[in-house]
Amino acid sequence: MSSSTQSTMNIPNYDDVLVAHERIKPYIHETPVLTSRFLNELTGAELFFKCENLQKAAAFKVRGACNAVFGLTDEEAKVGVATHSSGNHALSLSYAAGQRGIPVTVVMPRTAPQAKKDAVIGYGGSIVECEPSTSSREAVFAEVVAESGADFVHPYNDPRVIAGQATCSKELVKQVPDLDMVIAPIGGGGMISGTCLTISTIAPEIKIYAAEPLNADDAARSFRAGHIIADDAPNTVADGLKVPLKDLTWHFVKNHVTDILTATEDEIVEAMKLVWLRMKIVIEPSSAVTLATILKNPEVFKGKRVGVIITGGNVDLDKLPWMNK
């Protein structure tokens, strides 16, 4: 099943988010919000970090994966689930499937971080490797689904997944009142779409920003052009943000995002290092893009109360991006 076929005209609403949150609560953490006086002084803003790096499987994607897996009927669940992912969705779906006791197969780029591959296997998932491009990923995946008949849980272009990711900002708005804006990383757009869904419904006065690597800036270019521009195999340290927008996530981005800001590879690595050093928490490069863009665009955020979604903390500790500098 193609992702566009799966999602056409099936846009999740806030009722879906409420149902999702009740469904997944037994399997996720309500993650904490942390602050840093140093980073506030450095940016001139009040930053509130929603720490999904402290989520189950160390990634926000557990929310969407659990909603999809536990929303299946017993009959549907028998054949299991499958997906393609560079890492965090793969290990999150493996976690969710393991919790329900059903089989899961994931197609992963051969270049995906070993830590993420190890996590998939640790949760009981089976990995089929592909080349590091969107086209290879989708072609190999089509073969896998044809053989198994498993339910396709798309990493982001799936209404069940978006409704699950939307529970993150639902928690954030409750935890931190009177935010002026929220910023989250953008790759395929699952988290930003969930953020748009929640914020536009329960706190429409809050502006929504997305952060993206300059080396994989297809969402930013799509936003400027008014239509999806898809890069096939961008090269960035932010391995979770290499995939392009699809029709469902584009719907939310074009209708609700205020702006998409970008950061260079060096800026992303420096921001990641800064969070490790000052906040004493492990975040991955894809999560550091938000702080990198805040530091790069101080005029946008100065004097504002900003919710900053840290999306994950799965890193290969033997290959940290500053080790070779």
C-alpha atoms as a PDB file:
ATOM      1  CA  MET A   1       0.000   0.000   0.000  1.00  0.00           C
ATOM      2  CA  SER A   2       1.452   3.390  -0.902  1.00  0.00           C
ATOM      3  CA  SER A   3       1.564   6.047   1.780  1.00  0.00           C
ATOM      4  CA  SER A   4      -0.507   8.427  -0.326  1.00  0.00           C
ATOM      5  CA  THR A   5      -3.201   5.815  -0.866  1.00  0.00           C
ATOM      6  CA  GLN A   6      -3.252   5.085   2.828  1.00  0.00           C
ATOM      7  CA  SER A   7      -3.713   8.658   3.986  1.00  0.00           C
ATOM      8  CA  THR A   8      -5.856  10.374   1.335  1.00  0.00           C
ATOM      9  CA  MET A   9      -8.672  12.416   2.916  1.00  0.00           C
ATOM     10  CA  ASN A  10      -8.188  10.671   6.247  1.00  0.00           C
ATOM     11  CA  ILE A  11      -7.086  13.650   8.335  1.00  0.00           C
ATOM     12  CA  PRO A  12      -7.062  13.004  12.093  1.00  0.00           C
ATOM     13  CA  ASN A  13      -8.917  15.414  14.389  1.00  0.00           C
ATOM     14  CA  TYR A  14      -8.582  16.281  18.051  1.00  0.00           C
ATOM     15  CA  ASP A  15     -11.086  13.598  19.109  1.00  0.00           C
ATOM     16  CA  ASP A  16      -8.616  11.093  17.638  1.00  0.00           C
ATOM     17  CA  VAL A  17      -5.902  12.615  19.853  1.00  0.00           C
ATOM     18  CA  LEU A  18      -8.025  12.203  22.986  1.00  0.00           C
ATOM     19  CA  VAL A  19      -8.730   8.565  22.127  1.00  0.00           C
ATOM     20  CA  ALA A  20      -5.052   7.991  21.335  1.00  0.00           C
ATOM     21  CA  HIS A  21      -3.884   9.423  24.656  1.00  0.00           C
ATOM     22  CA  GLU A  22      -6.164   7.138  26.668  1.00  0.00           C
ATOM     23  CA  ARG A  23      -5.100   4.148  24.559  1.00  0.00           C
ATOM     24  CA  ILE A  24      -1.349   4.668  24.916  1.00  0.00           C
ATOM     25  CA  LYS A  25      -1.075   5.914  28.514  1.00  0.00           C
ATOM     26  CA  PRO A  26      -0.173   2.465  29.933  1.00  0.00           C
ATOM     27  CA  TYR A  27       2.777   2.186  27.528  1.00  0.00           C
ATOM     28  CA  ILE A  28       4.359   5.669  27.552  1.00  0.00           C
ATOM     29  CA  HIS A  29       5.787   8.223  29.980  1.00  0.00           C
ATOM     30  CA  GLU A  30       4.395  11.698  30.471  1.00  0.00           C
ATOM     31  CA  THR A  31       7.811  13.170  29.833  1.00  0.00           C
ATOM     32  CA  PRO A  32       9.190  16.025  31.940  1.00  0.00           C
ATOM     33  CA  VAL A  33       9.772  19.627  30.904  1.00  0.00           C
ATOM     34  CA  LEU A  34      13.247  20.908  31.787  1.00  0.00           C
ATOM     35  CA  THR A  35      14.675  24.433  31.779  1.00  0.00           C
ATOM     36  CA  SER A  36      18.164  25.924  31.703  1.00  0.00           C
ATOM     37  CA  ARG A  37      18.988  29.363  33.076  1.00  0.00           C
ATOM     38  CA  PHE A  38      22.184  29.353  30.998  1.00  0.00           C
ATOM     39  CA  LEU A  39      20.329  28.672  27.736  1.00  0.00           C
ATOM     40  CA  ASN A  40      17.673  31.250  28.607  1.00  0.00           C
ATOM     41  CA  GLU A  41      20.373  33.885  29.094  1.00  0.00           C
ATOM     42  CA  LEU A  42      22.173  32.798  25.931  1.00  0.00           C
ATOM     43  CA  THR A  43      19.050  33.032  23.750  1.00  0.00           C
ATOM     44  CA  GLY A  44      17.171  35.844  25.486  1.00  0.00           C
ATOM     45  CA  ALA A  45      14.098  33.603  25.558  1.00  0.00           C
ATOM     46  CA  GLU A  46      12.410  31.400  28.151  1.00  0.00           C
ATOM     47  CA  LEU A  47      12.930  27.879  26.848  1.00  0.00           C
ATOM     48  CA  PHE A  48      10.893  24.911  28.062  1.00  0.00           C
ATOM     49  CA  PHE A  49      12.348  21.621  26.824  1.00  0.00           C
ATOM     50  CA  LYS A  50       9.797  18.816  26.424  1.00  0.00           C
ATOM     51  CA  CYS A  51      12.089  15.826  26.895  1.00  0.00           C
ATOM     52  CA  GLU A  52      10.956  12.996  24.641  1.00  0.00           C
ATOM     53  CA  ASN A  53      14.535  11.719  24.844  1.00  0.00           C
ATOM     54  CA  LEU A  54      13.340  10.424  28.240  1.00  0.00           C
ATOM     55  CA  GLN A  55      10.377   8.653  26.614  1.00  0.00           C
ATOM     56  CA  LYS A  56      10.096   4.855  26.335  1.00  0.00           C
ATOM     57  CA  ALA A  57      12.565   3.745  23.638  1.00  0.00           C
ATOM     58  CA  ALA A  58      14.066   7.263  23.990  1.00  0.00           C
ATOM     59  CA  ALA A  59      11.885   8.709  21.241  1.00  0.00           C
ATOM     60  CA  PHE A  60       8.558  10.495  20.788  1.00  0.00           C
ATOM     61  CA  LYS A  61       7.680   8.016  18.058  1.00  0.00           C
ATOM     62  CA  VAL A  62       6.594   5.485  20.692  1.00  0.00           C
ATOM     63  CA  ARG A  63       3.412   7.560  20.992  1.00  0.00           C
ATOM     64  CA  GLY A  64       2.317   7.119  17.383  1.00  0.00           C
ATOM     65  CA  ALA A  65       3.557   3.542  17.178  1.00  0.00           C
ATOM     66  CA  CYS A  66       1.600   2.494  20.282  1.00  0.00           C
ATOM     67  CA  ASN A  67      -1.542   4.186  19.011  1.00  0.00           C
ATOM     68  CA  ALA A  68      -1.314   2.278  15.722  1.00  0.00           C
ATOM     69  CA  VAL A  69      -0.452  -1.095  17.283  1.00  0.00           C
ATOM     70  CA  PHE A  70      -3.011  -1.012  20.100  1.00  0.00           C
ATOM     71  CA  GLY A  71      -5.686   0.301  17.748  1.00  0.00           C
ATOM     72  CA  LEU A  72      -5.576  -2.909  15.690  1.00  0.00           C
ATOM     73  CA  THR A  73      -8.246  -5.542  16.135  1.00  0.00           C
ATOM     74  CA  ASP A  74      -7.064  -8.960  17.341  1.00  0.00           C
ATOM     75  CA  GLU A  75      -7.582 -10.294  13.813  1.00  0.00           C
ATOM     76  CA  GLU A  76      -5.518  -7.493  12.242  1.00  0.00           C
ATOM     77  CA  ALA A  77      -2.791  -7.868  14.848  1.00  0.00           C
ATOM     78  CA  LYS A  78      -2.210 -11.559  14.070  1.00  0.00           C
ATOM     79  CA  VAL A  79      -0.233 -10.833  10.890  1.00  0.00           C
ATOM     80  CA  GLY A  80       1.836  -8.228  12.681  1.00  0.00           C
ATOM     81  CA  VAL A  81       3.056  -4.813  11.620  1.00  0.00           C
ATOM     82  CA  ALA A  82       5.785  -3.520   9.333  1.00  0.00           C
ATOM     83  CA  THR A  83       7.401  -0.216   8.490  1.00  0.00           C
ATOM     84  CA  HIS A  84      10.424   1.496   6.958  1.00  0.00           C
ATOM     85  CA  SER A  85      12.459   3.850   9.114  1.00  0.00           C
ATOM     86  CA  SER A  86      15.947   5.253   9.651  1.00  0.00           C
ATOM     87  CA  GLY A  87      15.703   4.355  13.286  1.00  0.00           C
ATOM     88  CA  ASN A  88      13.433   5.861  15.919  1.00  0.00           C
ATOM     89  CA  HIS A  89      10.135   4.786  14.358  1.00  0.00           C
ATOM     90  CA  ALA A  90      11.619   1.351  13.729  1.00  0.00           C
ATOM     91  CA  LEU A  91      12.611   0.830  17.345  1.00  0.00           C
ATOM     92  CA  SER A  92       9.401   2.474  18.609  1.00  0.00           C
ATOM     93  CA  LEU A  93       7.191   0.196  16.512  1.00  0.00           C
ATOM     94  CA  SER A  94       9.283  -2.768  17.701  1.00  0.00           C
ATOM     95  CA  TYR A  95       8.693  -1.675  21.302  1.00  0.00           C
ATOM     96  CA  ALA A  96       4.936  -1.306  20.738  1.00  0.00           C
ATOM     97  CA  ALA A  97       4.624  -4.631  18.910  1.00  0.00           C
ATOM     98  CA  GLY A  98       6.613  -6.315  21.666  1.00  0.00           C
ATOM     99  CA  GLN A  99       4.224  -4.908  24.259  1.00  0.00           C
ATOM    100  CA  ARG A 100       1.322  -6.456  22.346  1.00  0.00           C
ATOM    101  CA  GLY A 101       3.205  -9.651  21.517  1.00  0.00           C
ATOM    102  CA  ILE A 102       2.880  -9.441  17.734  1.00  0.00           C
ATOM    103  CA  PRO A 103       5.532  -9.743  14.986  1.00  0.00           C
ATOM    104  CA  VAL A 104       7.209  -6.670  13.490  1.00  0.00           C
ATOM    105  CA  THR A 105       9.456  -6.219  10.462  1.00  0.00           C
ATOM    106  CA  VAL A 106      11.311  -3.003   9.688  1.00  0.00           C
ATOM    107  CA  VAL A 107      13.182  -1.908   6.580  1.00  0.00           C
ATOM    108  CA  MET A 108      16.168   0.211   7.639  1.00  0.00           C
ATOM    109  CA  PRO A 109      18.936   1.934   5.660  1.00  0.00           C
ATOM    110  CA  ARG A 110      22.193  -0.008   5.970  1.00  0.00           C
ATOM    111  CA  THR A 111      23.732   3.284   7.184  1.00  0.00           C
ATOM    112  CA  ALA A 112      21.308   3.700  10.097  1.00  0.00           C
ATOM    113  CA  PRO A 113      23.047   4.124  13.480  1.00  0.00           C
ATOM    114  CA  GLN A 114      24.023   0.787  15.006  1.00  0.00           C
ATOM    115  CA  ALA A 115      22.481   1.872  18.321  1.00  0.00           C
ATOM    116  CA  LYS A 116      19.088   2.113  16.623  1.00  0.00           C
ATOM    117  CA  LYS A 117      19.492  -1.252  14.873  1.00  0.00           C
ATOM    118  CA  ASP A 118      20.484  -2.852  18.168  1.00  0.00           C
ATOM    119  CA  ALA A 119      17.402  -1.376  19.846  1.00  0.00           C
ATOM    120  CA  VAL A 120      15.094  -2.807  17.152  1.00  0.00           C
ATOM    121  CA  ILE A 121      16.586  -6.261  17.636  1.00  0.00           C
ATOM    122  CA  GLY A 122      16.469  -5.856  21.414  1.00  0.00           C
ATOM    123  CA  TYR A 123      12.728  -5.186  21.241  1.00  0.00           C
ATOM    124  CA  GLY A 124      12.220  -8.283  19.088  1.00  0.00           C
ATOM    125  CA  GLY A 125      12.005  -6.676  15.659  1.00  0.00           C
ATOM    126  CA  SER A 126      13.296  -8.182  12.405  1.00  0.00           C
ATOM    127  CA  ILE A 127      15.407  -5.907  10.173  1.00  0.00           C
ATOM    128  CA  VAL A 128      15.613  -5.935   6.372  1.00  0.00           C
ATOM    129  CA  GLU A 129      18.303  -3.534   5.129  1.00  0.00           C
ATOM    130  CA  CYS A 130      18.044  -1.177   2.151  1.00  0.00           C
ATOM    131  CA  GLU A 131      20.136   1.528   0.520  1.00  0.00           C
ATOM    132  CA  PRO A 132      20.070   4.981   2.216  1.00  0.00           C
ATOM    133  CA  SER A 133      17.512   6.598  -0.061  1.00  0.00           C
ATOM    134  CA  THR A 134      13.759   7.090   0.111  1.00  0.00           C
ATOM    135  CA  SER A 135      13.251   5.277  -3.203  1.00  0.00           C
ATOM    136  CA  SER A 136      15.218   2.177  -2.092  1.00  0.00           C
ATOM    137  CA  ARG A 137      13.477   2.166   1.262  1.00  0.00           C
ATOM    138  CA  GLU A 138       9.995   2.181  -0.283  1.00  0.00           C
ATOM    139  CA  ALA A 139      10.858  -0.396  -2.973  1.00  0.00           C
ATOM    140  CA  VAL A 140      12.307  -2.912  -0.505  1.00  0.00           C
ATOM    141  CA  PHE A 141       9.417  -2.303   1.860  1.00  0.00           C
ATOM    142  CA  ALA A 142       6.841  -3.074  -0.859  1.00  0.00           C
ATOM    143  CA  GLU A 143       8.409  -6.526  -1.215  1.00  0.00           C
ATOM    144  CA  VAL A 144       8.298  -7.136   2.545  1.00  0.00           C
ATOM    145  CA  VAL A 145       4.595  -6.270   2.839  1.00  0.00           C
ATOM    146  CA  ALA A 146       3.697  -8.299  -0.243  1.00  0.00           C
ATOM    147  CA  GLU A 147       5.216 -11.368   1.428  1.00  0.00           C
ATOM    148  CA  SER A 148       3.856 -10.941   4.976  1.00  0.00           C
ATOM    149  CA  GLY A 149       0.579  -9.046   4.576  1.00  0.00           C
ATOM    150  CA  ALA A 150       1.502  -7.106   7.721  1.00  0.00           C
ATOM    151  CA  ASP A 151      -0.248  -3.840   8.619  1.00  0.00           C
ATOM    152  CA  PHE A 152       1.793  -0.919   7.291  1.00  0.00           C
ATOM    153  CA  VAL A 153       2.435   1.665   9.996  1.00  0.00           C
ATOM    154  CA  HIS A 154       3.987   4.542   8.075  1.00  0.00           C
ATOM    155  CA  PRO A 155       6.628   6.461  10.059  1.00  0.00           C
ATOM    156  CA  TYR A 156       4.673   9.708   9.764  1.00  0.00           C
ATOM    157  CA  ASN A 157       2.121   9.794   6.923  1.00  0.00           C
ATOM    158  CA  ASP A 158      -0.459   7.835   8.888  1.00  0.00           C
ATOM    159  CA  PRO A 159      -3.413   9.379  10.760  1.00  0.00           C
ATOM    160  CA  ARG A 160      -2.964   6.958  13.673  1.00  0.00           C
ATOM    161  CA  VAL A 161       0.671   7.961  14.038  1.00  0.00           C
ATOM    162  CA  ILE A 162      -0.033  11.703  13.832  1.00  0.00           C
ATOM    163  CA  ALA A 163      -2.791  11.427  16.457  1.00  0.00           C
ATOM    164  CA  GLY A 164      -0.344   9.629  18.733  1.00  0.00           C
ATOM    165  CA  GLN A 165       2.417  12.215  18.231  1.00  0.00           C
ATOM    166  CA  ALA A 166      -0.119  14.970  18.998  1.00  0.00           C
ATOM    167  CA  THR A 167      -0.296  13.755  22.598  1.00  0.00           C
ATOM    168  CA  CYS A 168       3.184  15.210  23.207  1.00  0.00           C
ATOM    169  CA  SER A 169       2.108  18.833  22.727  1.00  0.00           C
ATOM    170  CA  LYS A 170      -1.139  18.076  24.579  1.00  0.00           C
ATOM    171  CA  GLU A 171       1.012  17.298  27.627  1.00  0.00           C
ATOM    172  CA  LEU A 172       3.287  20.286  27.016  1.00  0.00           C
ATOM    173  CA  VAL A 173       0.450  22.827  26.935  1.00  0.00           C
ATOM    174  CA  LYS A 174      -0.853  21.433  30.228  1.00  0.00           C
ATOM    175  CA  GLN A 175       2.620  21.439  31.809  1.00  0.00           C
ATOM    176  CA  VAL A 176       3.611  24.963  30.709  1.00  0.00           C
ATOM    177  CA  PRO A 177       0.829  27.560  30.499  1.00  0.00           C
ATOM    178  CA  ASP A 178       1.019  30.730  28.410  1.00  0.00           C
ATOM    179  CA  LEU A 179       3.526  29.627  25.779  1.00  0.00           C
ATOM    180  CA  ASP A 180       4.074  32.077  22.916  1.00  0.00           C
ATOM    181  CA  MET A 181       5.431  29.505  20.493  1.00  0.00           C
ATOM    182  CA  VAL A 182       6.425  25.879  20.079  1.00  0.00           C
ATOM    183  CA  ILE A 183       9.281  24.614  17.927  1.00  0.00           C
ATOM    184  CA  ALA A 184       9.898  21.026  16.838  1.00  0.00           C
ATOM    185  CA  PRO A 185      12.197  19.338  14.315  1.00  0.00           C
ATOM    186  CA  ILE A 186      10.810  18.509  10.879  1.00  0.00           C
ATOM    187  CA  GLY A 187      11.708  15.648   8.554  1.00  0.00           C
ATOM    188  CA  GLY A 188       8.691  13.770   7.269  1.00  0.00           C
ATOM    189  CA  GLY A 189       6.524  15.902   9.526  1.00  0.00           C
ATOM    190  CA  GLY A 190       4.884  13.476  11.949  1.00  0.00           C
ATOM    191  CA  MET A 191       5.762  15.394  15.113  1.00  0.00           C
ATOM    192  CA  ILE A 192       5.117  18.814  13.617  1.00  0.00           C
ATOM    193  CA  SER A 193       1.762  17.602  12.248  1.00  0.00           C
ATOM    194  CA  GLY A 194       0.744  16.300  15.662  1.00  0.00           C
ATOM    195  CA  THR A 195       1.867  19.591  17.179  1.00  0.00           C
ATOM    196  CA  CYS A 196      -0.221  21.507  14.641  1.00  0.00           C
ATOM    197  CA  LEU A 197      -3.244  19.309  15.320  1.00  0.00           C
ATOM    198  CA  THR A 198      -3.133  19.884  19.081  1.00  0.00           C
ATOM    199  CA  ILE A 199      -2.043  23.526  19.209  1.00  0.00           C
ATOM    200  CA  SER A 200      -4.457  24.740  16.520  1.00  0.00           C
ATOM    201  CA  THR A 201      -7.311  23.140  18.481  1.00  0.00           C
ATOM    202  CA  ILE A 202      -6.608  23.895  22.142  1.00  0.00           C
ATOM    203  CA  ALA A 203      -4.171  26.849  22.022  1.00  0.00           C
ATOM    204  CA  PRO A 204      -4.460  28.513  18.597  1.00  0.00           C
ATOM    205  CA  GLU A 205      -2.718  31.668  19.842  1.00  0.00           C
ATOM    206  CA  ILE A 206       0.592  29.744  20.054  1.00  0.00           C
ATOM    207  CA  LYS A 207       2.793  30.060  16.963  1.00  0.00           C
ATOM    208  CA  ILE A 208       4.312  26.869  15.567  1.00  0.00           C
ATOM    209  CA  TYR A 209       7.838  26.800  14.146  1.00  0.00           C
ATOM    210  CA  ALA A 210       9.707  23.898  12.559  1.00  0.00           C
ATOM    211  CA  ALA A 211      13.481  23.356  12.544  1.00  0.00           C
ATOM    212  CA  GLU A 212      15.365  21.544   9.792  1.00  0.00           C
ATOM    213  CA  PRO A 213      18.964  20.806   8.746  1.00  0.00           C
ATOM    214  CA  LEU A 214      20.135  23.048   5.903  1.00  0.00           C
ATOM    215  CA  ASN A 215      21.560  19.912   4.255  1.00  0.00           C
ATOM    216  CA  ALA A 216      18.066  18.365   4.185  1.00  0.00           C
ATOM    217  CA  ASP A 217      15.924  21.472   3.787  1.00  0.00           C
ATOM    218  CA  ASP A 218      13.243  20.070   1.475  1.00  0.00           C
ATOM    219  CA  ALA A 219      10.461  20.963   3.938  1.00  0.00           C
ATOM    220  CA  ALA A 220      11.664  24.579   4.100  1.00  0.00           C
ATOM    221  CA  ARG A 221      11.823  24.729   0.295  1.00  0.00           C
ATOM    222  CA  SER A 222       8.384  23.114   0.062  1.00  0.00           C
ATOM    223  CA  PHE A 223       7.034  25.705   2.498  1.00  0.00           C
ATOM    224  CA  ARG A 224       8.392  28.573   0.352  1.00  0.00           C
ATOM    225  CA  ALA A 225       7.233  27.019  -2.923  1.00  0.00           C
ATOM    226  CA  GLY A 226       3.740  26.072  -1.734  1.00  0.00           C
ATOM    227  CA  HIS A 227       4.055  22.426  -2.812  1.00  0.00           C
ATOM    228  CA  ILE A 228       6.017  19.344  -1.752  1.00  0.00           C
ATOM    229  CA  ILE A 229       9.634  19.196  -2.900  1.00  0.00           C
ATOM    230  CA  ALA A 230      11.144  15.809  -2.059  1.00  0.00           C
ATOM    231  CA  ASP A 231      14.871  15.099  -1.788  1.00  0.00           C
ATOM    232  CA  ASP A 232      15.699  11.416  -2.217  1.00  0.00           C
ATOM    233  CA  ALA A 233      18.886  10.978  -0.170  1.00  0.00           C
ATOM    234  CA  PRO A 234      20.097  14.090   1.673  1.00  0.00           C
ATOM    235  CA  ASN A 235      23.246  13.848   3.775  1.00  0.00           C
ATOM    236  CA  THR A 236      23.005  15.222   7.322  1.00  0.00           C
ATOM    237  CA  VAL A 237      24.145  14.320  10.828  1.00  0.00           C
ATOM    238  CA  ALA A 238      20.453  14.570  11.810  1.00  0.00           C
ATOM    239  CA  ASP A 239      19.640  11.062  10.571  1.00  0.00           C
ATOM    240  CA  GLY A 240      16.009  11.224  11.725  1.00  0.00           C
ATOM    241  CA  LEU A 241      15.234  14.204   9.458  1.00  0.00           C
ATOM    242  CA  LYS A 242      16.241  12.884   6.040  1.00  0.00           C
ATOM    243  CA  VAL A 243      12.789  11.906   4.776  1.00  0.00           C
ATOM    244  CA  PRO A 244      10.431  14.141   2.756  1.00  0.00           C
ATOM    245  CA  LEU A 245       6.963  15.432   3.576  1.00  0.00           C
ATOM    246  CA  LYS A 246       3.973  13.449   2.312  1.00  0.00           C
ATOM    247  CA  ASP A 247       0.407  14.537   1.549  1.00  0.00           C
ATOM    248  CA  LEU A 248      -0.994  14.175   5.072  1.00  0.00           C
ATOM    249  CA  THR A 249       1.851  15.927   6.875  1.00  0.00           C
ATOM    250  CA  TRP A 250       1.984  18.627   4.184  1.00  0.00           C
ATOM    251  CA  HIS A 251      -1.670  19.398   4.954  1.00  0.00           C
ATOM    252  CA  PHE A 252      -0.733  20.374   8.520  1.00  0.00           C
ATOM    253  CA  VAL A 253       2.489  22.166   7.618  1.00  0.00           C
ATOM    254  CA  LYS A 254       0.980  24.419   4.966  1.00  0.00           C
ATOM    255  CA  ASN A 255      -2.046  25.309   7.100  1.00  0.00           C
ATOM    256  CA  HIS A 256      -0.547  25.806  10.561  1.00  0.00           C
ATOM    257  CA  VAL A 257       3.237  26.339  10.574  1.00  0.00           C
ATOM    258  CA  THR A 258       4.433  29.952  10.946  1.00  0.00           C
ATOM    259  CA  ASP A 259       7.920  29.328   9.524  1.00  0.00           C
ATOM    260  CA  ILE A 260      10.558  26.652   8.943  1.00  0.00           C
ATOM    261  CA  LEU A 261      14.059  27.601  10.064  1.00  0.00           C
ATOM    262  CA  THR A 262      17.301  25.824   9.140  1.00  0.00           C
ATOM    263  CA  ALA A 263      20.695  25.186  10.729  1.00  0.00           C
ATOM    264  CA  THR A 264      24.035  24.021   9.340  1.00  0.00           C
ATOM    265  CA  GLU A 265      25.709  20.762  10.322  1.00  0.00           C
ATOM    266  CA  ASP A 266      28.204  22.561  12.568  1.00  0.00           C
ATOM    267  CA  GLU A 267      25.414  24.546  14.242  1.00  0.00           C
ATOM    268  CA  ILE A 268      23.459  21.344  14.930  1.00  0.00           C
ATOM    269  CA  VAL A 269      26.471  19.587  16.451  1.00  0.00           C
ATOM    270  CA  GLU A 270      27.353  22.609  18.603  1.00  0.00           C
ATOM    271  CA  ALA A 271      23.763  22.845  19.893  1.00  0.00           C
ATOM    272  CA  MET A 272      23.747  19.126  20.690  1.00  0.00           C
ATOM    273  CA  LYS A 273      27.023  19.497  22.576  1.00  0.00           C
ATOM    274  CA  LEU A 274      25.645  22.506  24.462  1.00  0.00           C
ATOM    275  CA  VAL A 275      22.612  20.548  25.692  1.00  0.00           C
ATOM    276  CA  TRP A 276      24.775  17.611  26.783  1.00  0.00           C
ATOM    277  CA  LEU A 277      27.139  19.995  28.594  1.00  0.00           C
ATOM    278  CA  ARG A 278      24.659  22.377  30.223  1.00  0.00           C
ATOM    279  CA  MET A 279      21.543  20.237  30.749  1.00  0.00           C
ATOM    280  CA  LYS A 280      23.314  16.914  31.355  1.00  0.00           C
ATOM    281  CA  ILE A 281      20.907  14.996  29.142  1.00  0.00           C
ATOM    282  CA  VAL A 282      21.573  12.835  26.077  1.00  0.00           C
ATOM    283  CA  ILE A 283      19.907  14.117  22.919  1.00  0.00           C
ATOM    284  CA  GLU A 284      20.489  13.059  19.315  1.00  0.00           C
ATOM    285  CA  PRO A 285      21.430  15.429  16.467  1.00  0.00           C
ATOM    286  CA  SER A 286      17.865  15.491  15.101  1.00  0.00           C
ATOM    287  CA  SER A 287      16.722  16.908  18.448  1.00  0.00           C
ATOM    288  CA  ALA A 288      19.430  19.581  18.500  1.00  0.00           C
ATOM    289  CA  VAL A 289      18.175  21.285  15.345  1.00  0.00           C
ATOM    290  CA  THR A 290      15.588  23.206  17.371  1.00  0.00           C
ATOM    291  CA  LEU A 291      18.094  24.869  19.706  1.00  0.00           C
ATOM    292  CA  ALA A 292      20.457  25.440  16.771  1.00  0.00           C
ATOM    293  CA  THR A 293      17.807  27.445  14.926  1.00  0.00           C
ATOM    294  CA  ILE A 294      16.845  29.391  18.063  1.00  0.00           C
ATOM    295  CA  LEU A 295      20.492  30.389  18.544  1.00  0.00           C
ATOM    296  CA  LYS A 296      20.698  31.332  14.859  1.00  0.00           C
ATOM    297  CA  ASN A 297      17.510  33.444  14.863  1.00  0.00           C
ATOM    298  CA  PRO A 298      17.499  35.248  18.247  1.00  0.00           C
ATOM    299  CA  GLU A 299      15.239  38.029  16.964  1.00  0.00           C
ATOM    300  CA  VAL A 300      12.403  35.540  16.402  1.00  0.00           C
ATOM    301  CA  PHE A 301      12.493  34.108  19.925  1.00  0.00           C
ATOM    302  CA  LYS A 302      13.805  36.906  22.160  1.00  0.00           C
ATOM    303  CA  GLY A 303      11.505  37.657  25.097  1.00  0.00           C
ATOM    304  CA  LYS A 304       9.186  34.744  24.216  1.00  0.00           C
ATOM    305  CA  ARG A 305       8.095  31.665  26.164  1.00  0.00           C
ATOM    306  CA  VAL A 306       9.096  28.847  23.841  1.00  0.00           C
ATOM    307  CA  GLY A 307       8.204  25.160  24.051  1.00  0.00           C
ATOM    308  CA  VAL A 308      11.122  23.202  22.554  1.00  0.00           C
ATOM    309  CA  ILE A 309      10.351  19.585  21.693  1.00  0.00           C
ATOM    310  CA  ILE A 310      13.377  17.311  22.129  1.00  0.00           C
ATOM    311  CA  THR A 311      12.389  14.365  19.988  1.00  0.00           C
ATOM    312  CA  GLY A 312      14.855  11.633  20.951  1.00  0.00           C
ATOM    313  CA  GLY A 313      18.048  10.485  22.589  1.00  0.00           C
ATOM    314  CA  ASN A 314      19.232   7.494  20.568  1.00  0.00           C
ATOM    315  CA  VAL A 315      22.882   8.015  19.710  1.00  0.00           C
ATOM    316  CA  ASP A 316      25.848   5.781  18.957  1.00  0.00           C
ATOM    317  CA  LEU A 317      28.160   6.612  21.852  1.00  0.00           C
ATOM    318  CA  ASP A 318      31.160   5.305  19.898  1.00  0.00           C
ATOM    319  CA  LYS A 319      30.508   7.709  17.011  1.00  0.00           C
ATOM    320  CA  LEU A 320      29.536  11.043  18.543  1.00  0.00           C
ATOM    321  CA  PRO A 321      29.554  13.797  15.893  1.00  0.00           C
ATOM    322  CA  TRP A 322      32.192  15.921  17.624  1.00  0.00           C
ATOM    323  CA  MET A 323      34.694  13.081  18.084  1.00  0.00           C
ATOM    324  CA  ASN A 324      36.494  13.648  14.780  1.00  0.00           C
ATOM    325  CA  LYS A 325      36.693  17.415  15.049  1.00  0.00           C
END
